[in-house]
Amino acid sequence: MEKFQVGARQVEIIALSPSDQDQLNAIEAFADCFIPVDQPASGLSPIQQNHASVVVVVRVDEEYLLLGADLERTASTHTGWNALVASKTRPQFLASVFKVPHHGSENGQCDRVWSEMMQQERVAVLTPYLSSKLPRPEGIAWLKARTAGLYATNIPTAARIKRRTEVERTIKESTAGFSGQKMPDDPGIVRFRKKAGATGAWTVEVFGDAKKL
């Protein structure tokens, strides 16, 4: 936990994850990435789940912002969002802003987060992940059913980068998997503003390719 003051305002930044079991799972996943010294290196094997994802809550006076990172919903009560929501040691709060986890994917969805950790009047923002085509229409619909204020920094379309044949060959030989996409010409920004201590809704502005969904 980090605690400090900005003028007369009390600010806290608190990490809510990973759980103890997620930390153990992360260590095991990292260990599996090591390649024996007598074997040729062909790039790191992809890790299927981000066990070490760090969800953070930011408190400014009595206002809370929940930053969902890449934490996933799992079948276990000891990992992911299930463990976080059920934790007896986490601070009890209702956030008014939510950075949606895992680019709005299905495995980041957790109803208990919305019902137990969020205010009724809440806004949310997500970021895209082009190589996995996230967010998908069904994911956007799921989120819009839970907030009228859903924003995205971008919903880009695919645009492959053209490279010389020898460059493509070297990339494929050196990595276990690679996906390169052209960056948008005008990266999106979503800005949430509210005067410290004020009640009522956030003022939301979008810039560049950002939009309300």
C-alpha atoms as a PDB file:
ATOM      1  CA  MET A   1       0.000   0.000   0.000  1.00  0.00           C
ATOM      2  CA  GLU A   2       1.182   3.509  -0.857  1.00  0.00           C
ATOM      3  CA  LYS A   3      -0.255   6.450   1.094  1.00  0.00           C
ATOM      4  CA  PHE A   4       0.417  10.151   0.522  1.00  0.00           C
ATOM      5  CA  GLN A   5      -1.212  13.580   0.345  1.00  0.00           C
ATOM      6  CA  VAL A   6      -1.890  15.847  -2.624  1.00  0.00           C
ATOM      7  CA  GLY A   7      -2.623  19.211  -1.099  1.00  0.00           C
ATOM      8  CA  ALA A   8      -5.296  18.517   1.500  1.00  0.00           C
ATOM      9  CA  ARG A   9      -6.387  15.257  -0.194  1.00  0.00           C
ATOM     10  CA  GLN A  10      -5.565  11.830   1.196  1.00  0.00           C
ATOM     11  CA  VAL A  11      -4.517   9.350  -1.502  1.00  0.00           C
ATOM     12  CA  GLU A  12      -4.017   5.600  -1.140  1.00  0.00           C
ATOM     13  CA  ILE A  13      -2.940   3.071  -3.767  1.00  0.00           C
ATOM     14  CA  ILE A  14      -3.610  -0.504  -2.682  1.00  0.00           C
ATOM     15  CA  ALA A  15      -2.757  -3.752  -4.504  1.00  0.00           C
ATOM     16  CA  LEU A  16      -5.609  -6.276  -4.254  1.00  0.00           C
ATOM     17  CA  SER A  17      -4.026  -9.177  -6.147  1.00  0.00           C
ATOM     18  CA  PRO A  18      -2.440 -11.651  -6.775  1.00  0.00           C
ATOM     19  CA  SER A  19      -3.766 -14.080  -4.167  1.00  0.00           C
ATOM     20  CA  ASP A  20      -1.393 -16.487  -2.403  1.00  0.00           C
ATOM     21  CA  GLN A  21      -2.376 -19.290  -4.772  1.00  0.00           C
ATOM     22  CA  ASP A  22      -1.990 -17.053  -7.819  1.00  0.00           C
ATOM     23  CA  GLN A  23       1.534 -16.164  -6.690  1.00  0.00           C
ATOM     24  CA  LEU A  24       2.452 -19.854  -6.453  1.00  0.00           C
ATOM     25  CA  ASN A  25       0.906 -20.507  -9.860  1.00  0.00           C
ATOM     26  CA  ALA A  26       2.877 -17.608 -11.340  1.00  0.00           C
ATOM     27  CA  ILE A  27       6.179 -18.937  -9.984  1.00  0.00           C
ATOM     28  CA  GLU A  28       5.447 -22.364 -11.468  1.00  0.00           C
ATOM     29  CA  ALA A  29       4.537 -20.822 -14.831  1.00  0.00           C
ATOM     30  CA  PHE A  30       7.739 -18.748 -14.896  1.00  0.00           C
ATOM     31  CA  ALA A  31       9.807 -21.828 -13.999  1.00  0.00           C
ATOM     32  CA  ASP A  32       8.293 -23.744 -16.914  1.00  0.00           C
ATOM     33  CA  CYS A  33       9.616 -21.071 -19.289  1.00  0.00           C
ATOM     34  CA  PHE A  34      13.262 -21.937 -18.622  1.00  0.00           C
ATOM     35  CA  ILE A  35      14.983 -23.906 -21.362  1.00  0.00           C
ATOM     36  CA  PRO A  36      17.643 -26.513 -20.425  1.00  0.00           C
ATOM     37  CA  VAL A  37      21.163 -25.388 -21.308  1.00  0.00           C
ATOM     38  CA  ASP A  38      21.627 -28.365 -23.647  1.00  0.00           C
ATOM     39  CA  GLN A  39      18.616 -27.400 -25.772  1.00  0.00           C
ATOM     40  CA  PRO A  40      18.449 -24.650 -28.403  1.00  0.00           C
ATOM     41  CA  ALA A  41      16.487 -21.532 -27.527  1.00  0.00           C
ATOM     42  CA  SER A  42      13.505 -20.995 -29.799  1.00  0.00           C
ATOM     43  CA  GLY A  43      11.710 -18.236 -27.945  1.00  0.00           C
ATOM     44  CA  LEU A  44       9.725 -18.308 -24.725  1.00  0.00           C
ATOM     45  CA  SER A  45       6.669 -20.506 -24.510  1.00  0.00           C
ATOM     46  CA  PRO A  46       3.553 -18.365 -24.093  1.00  0.00           C
ATOM     47  CA  ILE A  47       2.021 -18.264 -20.612  1.00  0.00           C
ATOM     48  CA  GLN A  48      -1.686 -18.951 -20.920  1.00  0.00           C
ATOM     49  CA  GLN A  49      -2.816 -17.034 -17.836  1.00  0.00           C
ATOM     50  CA  ASN A  50      -1.435 -13.973 -16.086  1.00  0.00           C
ATOM     51  CA  HIS A  51      -1.388 -15.318 -12.532  1.00  0.00           C
ATOM     52  CA  ALA A  52       0.727 -12.378 -11.330  1.00  0.00           C
ATOM     53  CA  SER A  53      -1.690  -9.693 -12.521  1.00  0.00           C
ATOM     54  CA  VAL A  54      -1.912  -6.827 -10.024  1.00  0.00           C
ATOM     55  CA  VAL A  55      -5.339  -5.259  -9.532  1.00  0.00           C
ATOM     56  CA  VAL A  56      -5.116  -1.856  -7.852  1.00  0.00           C
ATOM     57  CA  VAL A  57      -7.633   0.377  -6.126  1.00  0.00           C
ATOM     58  CA  VAL A  58      -6.901   4.100  -5.907  1.00  0.00           C
ATOM     59  CA  ARG A  59      -8.605   6.041  -3.117  1.00  0.00           C
ATOM     60  CA  VAL A  60      -8.811   9.830  -3.149  1.00  0.00           C
ATOM     61  CA  ASP A  61     -10.580  10.875   0.053  1.00  0.00           C
ATOM     62  CA  GLU A  62     -13.779   8.787  -0.230  1.00  0.00           C
ATOM     63  CA  GLU A  63     -13.652   8.249  -4.012  1.00  0.00           C
ATOM     64  CA  TYR A  64     -12.450   4.858  -5.291  1.00  0.00           C
ATOM     65  CA  LEU A  65     -11.147   3.851  -8.723  1.00  0.00           C
ATOM     66  CA  LEU A  66     -10.704   0.133  -9.462  1.00  0.00           C
ATOM     67  CA  LEU A  67      -8.031  -0.791 -12.031  1.00  0.00           C
ATOM     68  CA  GLY A  68      -8.718  -4.379 -13.123  1.00  0.00           C
ATOM     69  CA  ALA A  69      -5.396  -5.133 -14.874  1.00  0.00           C
ATOM     70  CA  ASP A  70      -5.492  -8.543 -16.632  1.00  0.00           C
ATOM     71  CA  LEU A  71      -6.988 -10.559 -13.791  1.00  0.00           C
ATOM     72  CA  GLU A  72      -9.227 -13.413 -14.935  1.00  0.00           C
ATOM     73  CA  ARG A  73     -12.213 -15.240 -13.516  1.00  0.00           C
ATOM     74  CA  THR A  74     -11.258 -18.843 -12.735  1.00  0.00           C
ATOM     75  CA  ALA A  75     -13.063 -21.971 -11.531  1.00  0.00           C
ATOM     76  CA  SER A  76     -11.156 -21.875  -8.235  1.00  0.00           C
ATOM     77  CA  THR A  77     -12.220 -19.863  -5.190  1.00  0.00           C
ATOM     78  CA  HIS A  78      -8.518 -19.338  -4.392  1.00  0.00           C
ATOM     79  CA  THR A  79      -7.481 -17.546  -7.585  1.00  0.00           C
ATOM     80  CA  GLY A  80      -8.445 -14.663  -9.845  1.00  0.00           C
ATOM     81  CA  TRP A  81     -11.493 -12.503  -9.251  1.00  0.00           C
ATOM     82  CA  ASN A  82     -13.175 -15.141  -7.084  1.00  0.00           C
ATOM     83  CA  ALA A  83     -10.376 -14.903  -4.524  1.00  0.00           C
ATOM     84  CA  LEU A  84     -10.191 -11.112  -4.691  1.00  0.00           C
ATOM     85  CA  VAL A  85     -13.899 -10.443  -4.151  1.00  0.00           C
ATOM     86  CA  ALA A  86     -14.158 -13.009  -1.335  1.00  0.00           C
ATOM     87  CA  SER A  87     -11.021 -11.817   0.473  1.00  0.00           C
ATOM     88  CA  LYS A  88     -11.618 -10.968   4.137  1.00  0.00           C
ATOM     89  CA  THR A  89      -8.544  -8.738   4.277  1.00  0.00           C
ATOM     90  CA  ARG A  90      -9.169  -6.460   1.304  1.00  0.00           C
ATOM     91  CA  PRO A  91     -10.495  -2.940   1.951  1.00  0.00           C
ATOM     92  CA  GLN A  92     -14.263  -2.672   1.672  1.00  0.00           C
ATOM     93  CA  PHE A  93     -15.290  -0.021  -0.849  1.00  0.00           C
ATOM     94  CA  LEU A  94     -17.605   0.784  -3.741  1.00  0.00           C
ATOM     95  CA  ALA A  95     -15.739   2.168  -6.745  1.00  0.00           C
ATOM     96  CA  SER A  96     -17.187   4.681  -9.193  1.00  0.00           C
ATOM     97  CA  VAL A  97     -14.639   4.076 -11.986  1.00  0.00           C
ATOM     98  CA  PHE A  98     -13.573   0.670 -13.337  1.00  0.00           C
ATOM     99  CA  LYS A  99     -10.759  -0.075 -15.732  1.00  0.00           C
ATOM    100  CA  VAL A 100     -12.199  -3.266 -17.253  1.00  0.00           C
ATOM    101  CA  PRO A 101      -9.861  -6.276 -16.961  1.00  0.00           C
ATOM    102  CA  HIS A 102      -8.371  -8.271 -19.806  1.00  0.00           C
ATOM    103  CA  HIS A 103      -9.571  -6.030 -22.644  1.00  0.00           C
ATOM    104  CA  GLY A 104     -13.228  -6.902 -22.023  1.00  0.00           C
ATOM    105  CA  SER A 105     -12.748 -10.616 -22.689  1.00  0.00           C
ATOM    106  CA  GLU A 106     -15.198 -13.242 -21.403  1.00  0.00           C
ATOM    107  CA  ASN A 107     -12.701 -14.673 -18.919  1.00  0.00           C
ATOM    108  CA  GLY A 108     -12.405 -11.304 -17.201  1.00  0.00           C
ATOM    109  CA  GLN A 109     -16.129 -11.092 -16.479  1.00  0.00           C
ATOM    110  CA  CYS A 110     -17.209 -11.438 -12.855  1.00  0.00           C
ATOM    111  CA  ASP A 111     -20.697 -10.401 -11.757  1.00  0.00           C
ATOM    112  CA  ARG A 112     -19.658 -10.177  -8.105  1.00  0.00           C
ATOM    113  CA  VAL A 113     -17.234  -7.366  -8.904  1.00  0.00           C
ATOM    114  CA  TRP A 114     -20.087  -5.271 -10.272  1.00  0.00           C
ATOM    115  CA  SER A 115     -22.527  -6.140  -7.484  1.00  0.00           C
ATOM    116  CA  GLU A 116     -20.142  -6.028  -4.500  1.00  0.00           C
ATOM    117  CA  MET A 117     -17.321  -3.644  -5.433  1.00  0.00           C
ATOM    118  CA  MET A 118     -18.943  -1.014  -7.669  1.00  0.00           C
ATOM    119  CA  GLN A 119     -21.374   1.848  -7.054  1.00  0.00           C
ATOM    120  CA  GLN A 120     -24.726   1.795  -8.825  1.00  0.00           C
ATOM    121  CA  GLU A 121     -23.695   4.894 -10.792  1.00  0.00           C
ATOM    122  CA  ARG A 122     -20.389   3.837 -12.344  1.00  0.00           C
ATOM    123  CA  VAL A 123     -18.338   4.383 -15.479  1.00  0.00           C
ATOM    124  CA  ALA A 124     -15.899   1.957 -17.077  1.00  0.00           C
ATOM    125  CA  VAL A 125     -13.147   2.006 -19.674  1.00  0.00           C
ATOM    126  CA  LEU A 126     -11.375  -0.735 -21.613  1.00  0.00           C
ATOM    127  CA  THR A 127      -8.413  -1.000 -23.940  1.00  0.00           C
ATOM    128  CA  PRO A 128      -8.349  -3.144 -27.105  1.00  0.00           C
ATOM    129  CA  TYR A 129      -6.114  -6.144 -27.837  1.00  0.00           C
ATOM    130  CA  LEU A 130      -6.009  -6.451 -31.591  1.00  0.00           C
ATOM    131  CA  SER A 131      -4.237  -9.803 -32.015  1.00  0.00           C
ATOM    132  CA  SER A 132      -7.026 -11.522 -30.039  1.00  0.00           C
ATOM    133  CA  LYS A 133      -9.748  -9.321 -31.568  1.00  0.00           C
ATOM    134  CA  LEU A 134     -10.767  -7.928 -28.186  1.00  0.00           C
ATOM    135  CA  PRO A 135     -13.175  -6.595 -27.169  1.00  0.00           C
ATOM    136  CA  ARG A 136     -15.706  -8.745 -29.031  1.00  0.00           C
ATOM    137  CA  PRO A 137     -19.332  -7.674 -29.609  1.00  0.00           C
ATOM    138  CA  GLU A 138     -20.682 -10.105 -27.011  1.00  0.00           C
ATOM    139  CA  GLY A 139     -18.196  -8.810 -24.431  1.00  0.00           C
ATOM    140  CA  ILE A 140     -19.210  -5.216 -25.116  1.00  0.00           C
ATOM    141  CA  ALA A 141     -22.892  -6.170 -24.761  1.00  0.00           C
ATOM    142  CA  TRP A 142     -22.192  -7.875 -21.410  1.00  0.00           C
ATOM    143  CA  LEU A 143     -20.473  -4.749 -20.095  1.00  0.00           C
ATOM    144  CA  LYS A 144     -23.111  -2.336 -21.424  1.00  0.00           C
ATOM    145  CA  ALA A 145     -25.732  -4.302 -19.500  1.00  0.00           C
ATOM    146  CA  ARG A 146     -23.833  -3.345 -16.326  1.00  0.00           C
ATOM    147  CA  THR A 147     -23.013   0.305 -16.988  1.00  0.00           C
ATOM    148  CA  ALA A 148     -24.447   3.039 -19.173  1.00  0.00           C
ATOM    149  CA  GLY A 149     -21.031   4.701 -19.210  1.00  0.00           C
ATOM    150  CA  LEU A 150     -18.713   2.331 -21.097  1.00  0.00           C
ATOM    151  CA  TYR A 151     -15.754   3.782 -22.996  1.00  0.00           C
ATOM    152  CA  ALA A 152     -12.897   2.382 -25.081  1.00  0.00           C
ATOM    153  CA  THR A 153      -9.567   3.932 -25.966  1.00  0.00           C
ATOM    154  CA  ASN A 154      -9.980   2.427 -29.431  1.00  0.00           C
ATOM    155  CA  ILE A 155     -11.794  -0.277 -31.372  1.00  0.00           C
ATOM    156  CA  PRO A 156      -9.212  -0.708 -34.137  1.00  0.00           C
ATOM    157  CA  THR A 157      -9.370  -2.638 -37.371  1.00  0.00           C
ATOM    158  CA  ALA A 158      -6.597  -5.010 -38.382  1.00  0.00           C
ATOM    159  CA  ALA A 159      -3.824  -3.610 -40.568  1.00  0.00           C
ATOM    160  CA  ARG A 160      -0.911  -5.966 -41.133  1.00  0.00           C
ATOM    161  CA  ILE A 161       2.606  -4.583 -41.294  1.00  0.00           C
ATOM    162  CA  LYS A 162       4.437  -5.432 -44.496  1.00  0.00           C
ATOM    163  CA  ARG A 163       8.024  -6.623 -43.944  1.00  0.00           C
ATOM    164  CA  ARG A 164      10.737  -8.035 -46.145  1.00  0.00           C
ATOM    165  CA  THR A 165      10.660 -11.824 -46.506  1.00  0.00           C
ATOM    166  CA  GLU A 166      13.959 -12.307 -44.678  1.00  0.00           C
ATOM    167  CA  VAL A 167      12.722 -10.204 -41.749  1.00  0.00           C
ATOM    168  CA  GLU A 168       9.539 -12.282 -41.436  1.00  0.00           C
ATOM    169  CA  ARG A 169      11.589 -15.484 -41.581  1.00  0.00           C
ATOM    170  CA  THR A 170      13.964 -14.315 -38.831  1.00  0.00           C
ATOM    171  CA  ILE A 171      11.053 -13.332 -36.582  1.00  0.00           C
ATOM    172  CA  LYS A 172       9.368 -16.724 -37.019  1.00  0.00           C
ATOM    173  CA  GLU A 173      12.618 -18.585 -36.339  1.00  0.00           C
ATOM    174  CA  SER A 174      13.368 -16.561 -33.204  1.00  0.00           C
ATOM    175  CA  THR A 175       9.996 -16.582 -31.469  1.00  0.00           C
ATOM    176  CA  ALA A 176       7.405 -19.116 -30.364  1.00  0.00           C
ATOM    177  CA  GLY A 177       4.692 -16.784 -31.616  1.00  0.00           C
ATOM    178  CA  PHE A 178       4.508 -13.240 -32.930  1.00  0.00           C
ATOM    179  CA  SER A 179       1.779 -10.906 -34.071  1.00  0.00           C
ATOM    180  CA  GLY A 180       2.607  -7.454 -35.360  1.00  0.00           C
ATOM    181  CA  GLN A 181      -0.036  -4.832 -36.055  1.00  0.00           C
ATOM    182  CA  LYS A 182       0.091  -1.235 -37.184  1.00  0.00           C
ATOM    183  CA  MET A 183      -0.483   1.290 -34.418  1.00  0.00           C
ATOM    184  CA  PRO A 184      -3.471   3.615 -34.880  1.00  0.00           C
ATOM    185  CA  ASP A 185      -2.672   7.022 -36.322  1.00  0.00           C
ATOM    186  CA  ASP A 186      -4.384   8.810 -33.447  1.00  0.00           C
ATOM    187  CA  PRO A 187      -4.205   6.763 -30.202  1.00  0.00           C
ATOM    188  CA  GLY A 188      -7.266   7.237 -28.041  1.00  0.00           C
ATOM    189  CA  ILE A 189      -7.446   8.797 -24.593  1.00  0.00           C
ATOM    190  CA  VAL A 190     -10.391   8.674 -22.184  1.00  0.00           C
ATOM    191  CA  ARG A 191     -10.243  11.285 -19.429  1.00  0.00           C
ATOM    192  CA  PHE A 192     -12.327  11.105 -16.257  1.00  0.00           C
ATOM    193  CA  ARG A 193     -12.541  14.265 -14.147  1.00  0.00           C
ATOM    194  CA  LYS A 194     -14.264  15.240 -10.937  1.00  0.00           C
ATOM    195  CA  LYS A 195     -13.470  17.960  -8.426  1.00  0.00           C
ATOM    196  CA  ALA A 196     -12.036  16.555  -5.226  1.00  0.00           C
ATOM    197  CA  GLY A 197     -14.750  16.135  -2.648  1.00  0.00           C
ATOM    198  CA  ALA A 198     -17.547  16.706  -5.158  1.00  0.00           C
ATOM    199  CA  THR A 199     -20.569  14.455  -5.374  1.00  0.00           C
ATOM    200  CA  GLY A 200     -22.325  13.460  -8.562  1.00  0.00           C
ATOM    201  CA  ALA A 201     -21.160  11.998 -11.845  1.00  0.00           C
ATOM    202  CA  TRP A 202     -17.729  12.078 -13.452  1.00  0.00           C
ATOM    203  CA  THR A 203     -17.095  14.330 -16.430  1.00  0.00           C
ATOM    204  CA  VAL A 204     -15.814  12.105 -19.242  1.00  0.00           C
ATOM    205  CA  GLU A 205     -13.961  13.333 -22.339  1.00  0.00           C
ATOM    206  CA  VAL A 206     -12.623  11.314 -25.267  1.00  0.00           C
ATOM    207  CA  PHE A 207      -9.725  12.209 -27.556  1.00  0.00           C
ATOM    208  CA  GLY A 208      -8.344  10.712 -30.740  1.00  0.00           C
ATOM    209  CA  ASP A 209      -9.814   7.310 -31.603  1.00  0.00           C
ATOM    210  CA  ALA A 210     -11.411   6.833 -28.164  1.00  0.00           C
ATOM    211  CA  LYS A 211     -15.191   6.530 -28.041  1.00  0.00           C
ATOM    212  CA  LYS A 212     -18.221   5.778 -25.910  1.00  0.00           C
ATOM    213  CA  LEU A 213     -19.636   2.332 -26.614  1.00  0.00           C
END
